[in-house]
Amino acid sequence: ELLGPLAAVALISQTHPTLPAPSV
């Protein structure tokens, strides 16, 4: 529950490396 959201953001950044980053 605590780390799931961080893992989701990390996976998105790894699978979409050219996607501009938002504020998180």
PDB file of all heavy atoms in Angstrom:
ATOM      1  N   GLU A   1       0.823  -1.208   0.000  1.00  0.00           N
ATOM      2  CA  GLU A   1       0.000   0.000   0.000  1.00  0.00           C
ATOM      3  C   GLU A   1       0.853   1.253   0.000  1.00  0.00           C
ATOM      4  O   GLU A   1       0.535   2.236  -0.658  1.00  0.00           O
ATOM      5  CB  GLU A   1      -0.926   0.021   1.219  1.00  0.00           C
ATOM      6  CG  GLU A   1      -2.045  -0.973   1.156  1.00  0.00           C
ATOM      7  CD  GLU A   1      -2.811  -1.052   2.459  1.00  0.00           C
ATOM      8  OE1 GLU A   1      -2.186  -0.948   3.540  1.00  0.00           O
ATOM      9  OE2 GLU A   1      -4.030  -1.220   2.392  1.00  0.00           O
ATOM     10  N   LEU A   2       1.949   1.223   0.736  1.00  0.00           N
ATOM     11  CA  LEU A   2       2.807   2.393   0.854  1.00  0.00           C
ATOM     12  C   LEU A   2       3.686   2.609  -0.374  1.00  0.00           C
ATOM     13  O   LEU A   2       3.823   3.726  -0.861  1.00  0.00           O
ATOM     14  CB  LEU A   2       3.682   2.268   2.100  1.00  0.00           C
ATOM     15  CG  LEU A   2       4.524   3.477   2.452  1.00  0.00           C
ATOM     16  CD1 LEU A   2       3.643   4.678   2.740  1.00  0.00           C
ATOM     17  CD2 LEU A   2       5.391   3.167   3.660  1.00  0.00           C
ATOM     18  N   LEU A   3       4.261   1.538  -0.904  1.00  0.00           N
ATOM     19  CA  LEU A   3       5.217   1.668  -2.005  1.00  0.00           C
ATOM     20  C   LEU A   3       4.601   1.465  -3.382  1.00  0.00           C
ATOM     21  O   LEU A   3       5.226   1.792  -4.389  1.00  0.00           O
ATOM     22  CB  LEU A   3       6.380   0.701  -1.810  1.00  0.00           C
ATOM     23  CG  LEU A   3       7.218   0.945  -0.560  1.00  0.00           C
ATOM     24  CD1 LEU A   3       8.327  -0.089  -0.461  1.00  0.00           C
ATOM     25  CD2 LEU A   3       7.782   2.351  -0.547  1.00  0.00           C
ATOM     26  N   GLY A   4       3.384   0.927  -3.454  1.00  0.00           N
ATOM     27  CA  GLY A   4       2.720   0.694  -4.739  1.00  0.00           C
ATOM     28  C   GLY A   4       2.656   1.934  -5.620  1.00  0.00           C
ATOM     29  O   GLY A   4       3.014   1.873  -6.809  1.00  0.00           O
ATOM     30  N   PRO A   5       2.226   3.079  -5.083  1.00  0.00           N
ATOM     31  CA  PRO A   5       2.192   4.282  -5.914  1.00  0.00           C
ATOM     32  C   PRO A   5       3.570   4.708  -6.432  1.00  0.00           C
ATOM     33  O   PRO A   5       3.710   5.135  -7.571  1.00  0.00           O
ATOM     34  CB  PRO A   5       1.597   5.343  -4.987  1.00  0.00           C
ATOM     35  CG  PRO A   5       0.757   4.560  -4.035  1.00  0.00           C
ATOM     36  CD  PRO A   5       1.549   3.290  -3.811  1.00  0.00           C
ATOM     37  N   LEU A   6       4.593   4.564  -5.607  1.00  0.00           N
ATOM     38  CA  LEU A   6       5.957   4.895  -6.059  1.00  0.00           C
ATOM     39  C   LEU A   6       6.396   3.941  -7.158  1.00  0.00           C
ATOM     40  O   LEU A   6       7.017   4.357  -8.144  1.00  0.00           O
ATOM     41  CB  LEU A   6       6.935   4.825  -4.886  1.00  0.00           C
ATOM     42  CG  LEU A   6       6.739   5.852  -3.785  1.00  0.00           C
ATOM     43  CD1 LEU A   6       7.663   5.551  -2.611  1.00  0.00           C
ATOM     44  CD2 LEU A   6       6.975   7.245  -4.316  1.00  0.00           C
ATOM     45  N   ALA A   7       6.068   2.665  -6.996  1.00  0.00           N
ATOM     46  CA  ALA A   7       6.426   1.670  -8.014  1.00  0.00           C
ATOM     47  C   ALA A   7       5.704   1.964  -9.326  1.00  0.00           C
ATOM     48  O   ALA A   7       6.289   1.831 -10.411  1.00  0.00           O
ATOM     49  CB  ALA A   7       6.088   0.264  -7.523  1.00  0.00           C
ATOM     50  N   ALA A   8       4.441   2.375  -9.247  1.00  0.00           N
ATOM     51  CA  ALA A   8       3.686   2.692 -10.465  1.00  0.00           C
ATOM     52  C   ALA A   8       4.353   3.827 -11.229  1.00  0.00           C
ATOM     53  O   ALA A   8       4.538   3.745 -12.445  1.00  0.00           O
ATOM     54  CB  ALA A   8       2.241   3.059 -10.115  1.00  0.00           C
ATOM     55  N   VAL A   9       4.737   4.889 -10.524  1.00  0.00           N
ATOM     56  CA  VAL A   9       5.401   6.024 -11.175  1.00  0.00           C
ATOM     57  C   VAL A   9       6.747   5.589 -11.762  1.00  0.00           C
ATOM     58  O   VAL A   9       7.101   5.974 -12.878  1.00  0.00           O
ATOM     59  CB  VAL A   9       5.570   7.208 -10.194  1.00  0.00           C
ATOM     60  CG1 VAL A   9       6.413   8.306 -10.792  1.00  0.00           C
ATOM     61  CG2 VAL A   9       4.203   7.753  -9.782  1.00  0.00           C
ATOM     62  N   ALA A  10       7.483   4.771 -11.034  1.00  0.00           N
ATOM     63  CA  ALA A  10       8.773   4.285 -11.536  1.00  0.00           C
ATOM     64  C   ALA A  10       8.592   3.427 -12.792  1.00  0.00           C
ATOM     65  O   ALA A  10       9.352   3.570 -13.762  1.00  0.00           O
ATOM     66  CB  ALA A  10       9.490   3.478 -10.446  1.00  0.00           C
ATOM     67  N   LEU A  11       7.578   2.560 -12.803  1.00  0.00           N
ATOM     68  CA  LEU A  11       7.326   1.727 -13.985  1.00  0.00           C
ATOM     69  C   LEU A  11       6.917   2.568 -15.189  1.00  0.00           C
ATOM     70  O   LEU A  11       7.368   2.320 -16.309  1.00  0.00           O
ATOM     71  CB  LEU A  11       6.251   0.689 -13.685  1.00  0.00           C
ATOM     72  CG  LEU A  11       6.699  -0.492 -12.841  1.00  0.00           C
ATOM     73  CD1 LEU A  11       5.500  -1.326 -12.400  1.00  0.00           C
ATOM     74  CD2 LEU A  11       7.696  -1.343 -13.611  1.00  0.00           C
ATOM     75  N   ILE A  12       6.082   3.561 -14.961  1.00  0.00           N
ATOM     76  CA  ILE A  12       5.687   4.446 -16.065  1.00  0.00           C
ATOM     77  C   ILE A  12       6.918   5.146 -16.627  1.00  0.00           C
ATOM     78  O   ILE A  12       7.092   5.225 -17.845  1.00  0.00           O
ATOM     79  CB  ILE A  12       4.619   5.466 -15.616  1.00  0.00           C
ATOM     80  CG1 ILE A  12       3.293   4.754 -15.323  1.00  0.00           C
ATOM     81  CG2 ILE A  12       4.420   6.542 -16.688  1.00  0.00           C
ATOM     82  CD1 ILE A  12       2.254   5.638 -14.640  1.00  0.00           C
ATOM     83  N   SER A  13       7.789   5.628 -15.760  1.00  0.00           N
ATOM     84  CA  SER A  13       8.984   6.342 -16.241  1.00  0.00           C
ATOM     85  C   SER A  13       9.922   5.420 -17.005  1.00  0.00           C
ATOM     86  O   SER A  13      10.585   5.849 -17.950  1.00  0.00           O
ATOM     87  CB  SER A  13       9.721   7.017 -15.088  1.00  0.00           C
ATOM     88  OG  SER A  13      10.338   6.060 -14.261  1.00  0.00           O
ATOM     89  N   GLN A  14       9.976   4.142 -16.628  1.00  0.00           N
ATOM     90  CA  GLN A  14      10.841   3.190 -17.323  1.00  0.00           C
ATOM     91  C   GLN A  14      10.262   2.756 -18.675  1.00  0.00           C
ATOM     92  O   GLN A  14      11.003   2.547 -19.627  1.00  0.00           O
ATOM     93  CB  GLN A  14      11.080   1.951 -16.451  1.00  0.00           C
ATOM     94  CG  GLN A  14      11.935   2.231 -15.247  1.00  0.00           C
ATOM     95  CD  GLN A  14      13.311   2.725 -15.633  1.00  0.00           C
ATOM     96  OE1 GLN A  14      14.009   2.108 -16.421  1.00  0.00           O
ATOM     97  NE2 GLN A  14      13.701   3.863 -15.094  1.00  0.00           N
ATOM     98  N   THR A  15       8.942   2.616 -18.737  1.00  0.00           N
ATOM     99  CA  THR A  15       8.321   2.136 -19.975  1.00  0.00           C
ATOM    100  C   THR A  15       7.979   3.267 -20.948  1.00  0.00           C
ATOM    101  O   THR A  15       7.687   2.999 -22.113  1.00  0.00           O
ATOM    102  CB  THR A  15       7.048   1.321 -19.673  1.00  0.00           C
ATOM    103  OG1 THR A  15       6.143   2.111 -18.911  1.00  0.00           O
ATOM    104  CG2 THR A  15       7.388   0.054 -18.907  1.00  0.00           C
ATOM    105  N   HIS A  16       8.029   4.505 -20.492  1.00  0.00           N
ATOM    106  CA  HIS A  16       7.744   5.679 -21.333  1.00  0.00           C
ATOM    107  C   HIS A  16       8.809   6.750 -21.062  1.00  0.00           C
ATOM    108  O   HIS A  16       8.496   7.830 -20.571  1.00  0.00           O
ATOM    109  CB  HIS A  16       6.345   6.232 -21.037  1.00  0.00           C
ATOM    110  CG  HIS A  16       5.261   5.251 -21.283  1.00  0.00           C
ATOM    111  ND1 HIS A  16       4.836   4.354 -20.330  1.00  0.00           N
ATOM    112  CD2 HIS A  16       4.531   5.003 -22.389  1.00  0.00           C
ATOM    113  CE1 HIS A  16       3.870   3.606 -20.831  1.00  0.00           C
ATOM    114  NE2 HIS A  16       3.680   3.962 -22.077  1.00  0.00           N
ATOM    115  N   PRO A  17      10.079   6.459 -21.373  1.00  0.00           N
ATOM    116  CA  PRO A  17      11.175   7.355 -20.984  1.00  0.00           C
ATOM    117  C   PRO A  17      11.139   8.737 -21.625  1.00  0.00           C
ATOM    118  O   PRO A  17      11.729   9.669 -21.085  1.00  0.00           O
ATOM    119  CB  PRO A  17      12.433   6.583 -21.393  1.00  0.00           C
ATOM    120  CG  PRO A  17      11.975   5.648 -22.455  1.00  0.00           C
ATOM    121  CD  PRO A  17      10.559   5.293 -22.101  1.00  0.00           C
ATOM    122  N   THR A  18      10.457   8.909 -22.744  1.00  0.00           N
ATOM    123  CA  THR A  18      10.431  10.226 -23.393  1.00  0.00           C
ATOM    124  C   THR A  18       9.205  11.043 -23.006  1.00  0.00           C
ATOM    125  O   THR A  18       9.074  12.193 -23.430  1.00  0.00           O
ATOM    126  CB  THR A  18      10.457  10.082 -24.926  1.00  0.00           C
ATOM    127  OG1 THR A  18       9.280   9.372 -25.344  1.00  0.00           O
ATOM    128  CG2 THR A  18      11.706   9.350 -25.385  1.00  0.00           C
ATOM    129  N   LEU A  19       8.329  10.479 -22.195  1.00  0.00           N
ATOM    130  CA  LEU A  19       7.121  11.185 -21.784  1.00  0.00           C
ATOM    131  C   LEU A  19       7.476  12.284 -20.795  1.00  0.00           C
ATOM    132  O   LEU A  19       8.149  12.030 -19.799  1.00  0.00           O
ATOM    133  CB  LEU A  19       6.150  10.197 -21.136  1.00  0.00           C
ATOM    134  CG  LEU A  19       4.764  10.703 -20.803  1.00  0.00           C
ATOM    135  CD1 LEU A  19       4.012  11.107 -22.068  1.00  0.00           C
ATOM    136  CD2 LEU A  19       3.984   9.629 -20.064  1.00  0.00           C
ATOM    137  N   PRO A  20       7.061  13.539 -21.062  1.00  0.00           N
ATOM    138  CA  PRO A  20       7.349  14.623 -20.115  1.00  0.00           C
ATOM    139  C   PRO A  20       6.778  14.313 -18.729  1.00  0.00           C
ATOM    140  O   PRO A  20       5.661  13.821 -18.599  1.00  0.00           O
ATOM    141  CB  PRO A  20       6.650  15.828 -20.736  1.00  0.00           C
ATOM    142  CG  PRO A  20       6.618  15.520 -22.198  1.00  0.00           C
ATOM    143  CD  PRO A  20       6.393  14.028 -22.262  1.00  0.00           C
ATOM    144  N   ALA A  21       7.573  14.606 -17.721  1.00  0.00           N
ATOM    145  CA  ALA A  21       7.186  14.293 -16.349  1.00  0.00           C
ATOM    146  C   ALA A  21       6.306  15.383 -15.756  1.00  0.00           C
ATOM    147  O   ALA A  21       6.591  16.563 -15.888  1.00  0.00           O
ATOM    148  CB  ALA A  21       8.433  14.128 -15.493  1.00  0.00           C
ATOM    149  N   PRO A  22       5.257  14.959 -15.077  1.00  0.00           N
ATOM    150  CA  PRO A  22       4.410  15.907 -14.369  1.00  0.00           C
ATOM    151  C   PRO A  22       4.915  16.103 -12.943  1.00  0.00           C
ATOM    152  O   PRO A  22       5.878  15.462 -12.524  1.00  0.00           O
ATOM    153  CB  PRO A  22       3.062  15.183 -14.342  1.00  0.00           C
ATOM    154  CG  PRO A  22       3.466  13.748 -14.204  1.00  0.00           C
ATOM    155  CD  PRO A  22       4.735  13.611 -15.037  1.00  0.00           C
ATOM    156  N   SER A  23       4.244  16.979 -12.204  1.00  0.00           N
ATOM    157  CA  SER A  23       4.449  17.012 -10.757  1.00  0.00           C
ATOM    158  C   SER A  23       3.772  15.763 -10.216  1.00  0.00           C
ATOM    159  O   SER A  23       2.705  15.381 -10.687  1.00  0.00           O
ATOM    160  CB  SER A  23       3.770  18.228 -10.134  1.00  0.00           C
ATOM    161  OG  SER A  23       4.244  19.415 -10.659  1.00  0.00           O
ATOM    162  N   VAL A  24       4.371  15.132  -9.241  1.00  0.00           N
ATOM    163  CA  VAL A  24       3.832  13.892  -8.683  1.00  0.00           C
ATOM    164  C   VAL A  24       3.570  14.099  -7.198  1.00  0.00           C
ATOM    165  O   VAL A  24       4.416  14.614  -6.475  1.00  0.00           O
ATOM    166  CB  VAL A  24       4.823  12.719  -8.878  1.00  0.00           C
ATOM    167  CG1 VAL A  24       4.295  11.455  -8.224  1.00  0.00           C
ATOM    168  CG2 VAL A  24       5.098  12.497 -10.354  1.00  0.00           C
TER     169      VAL A  24
END
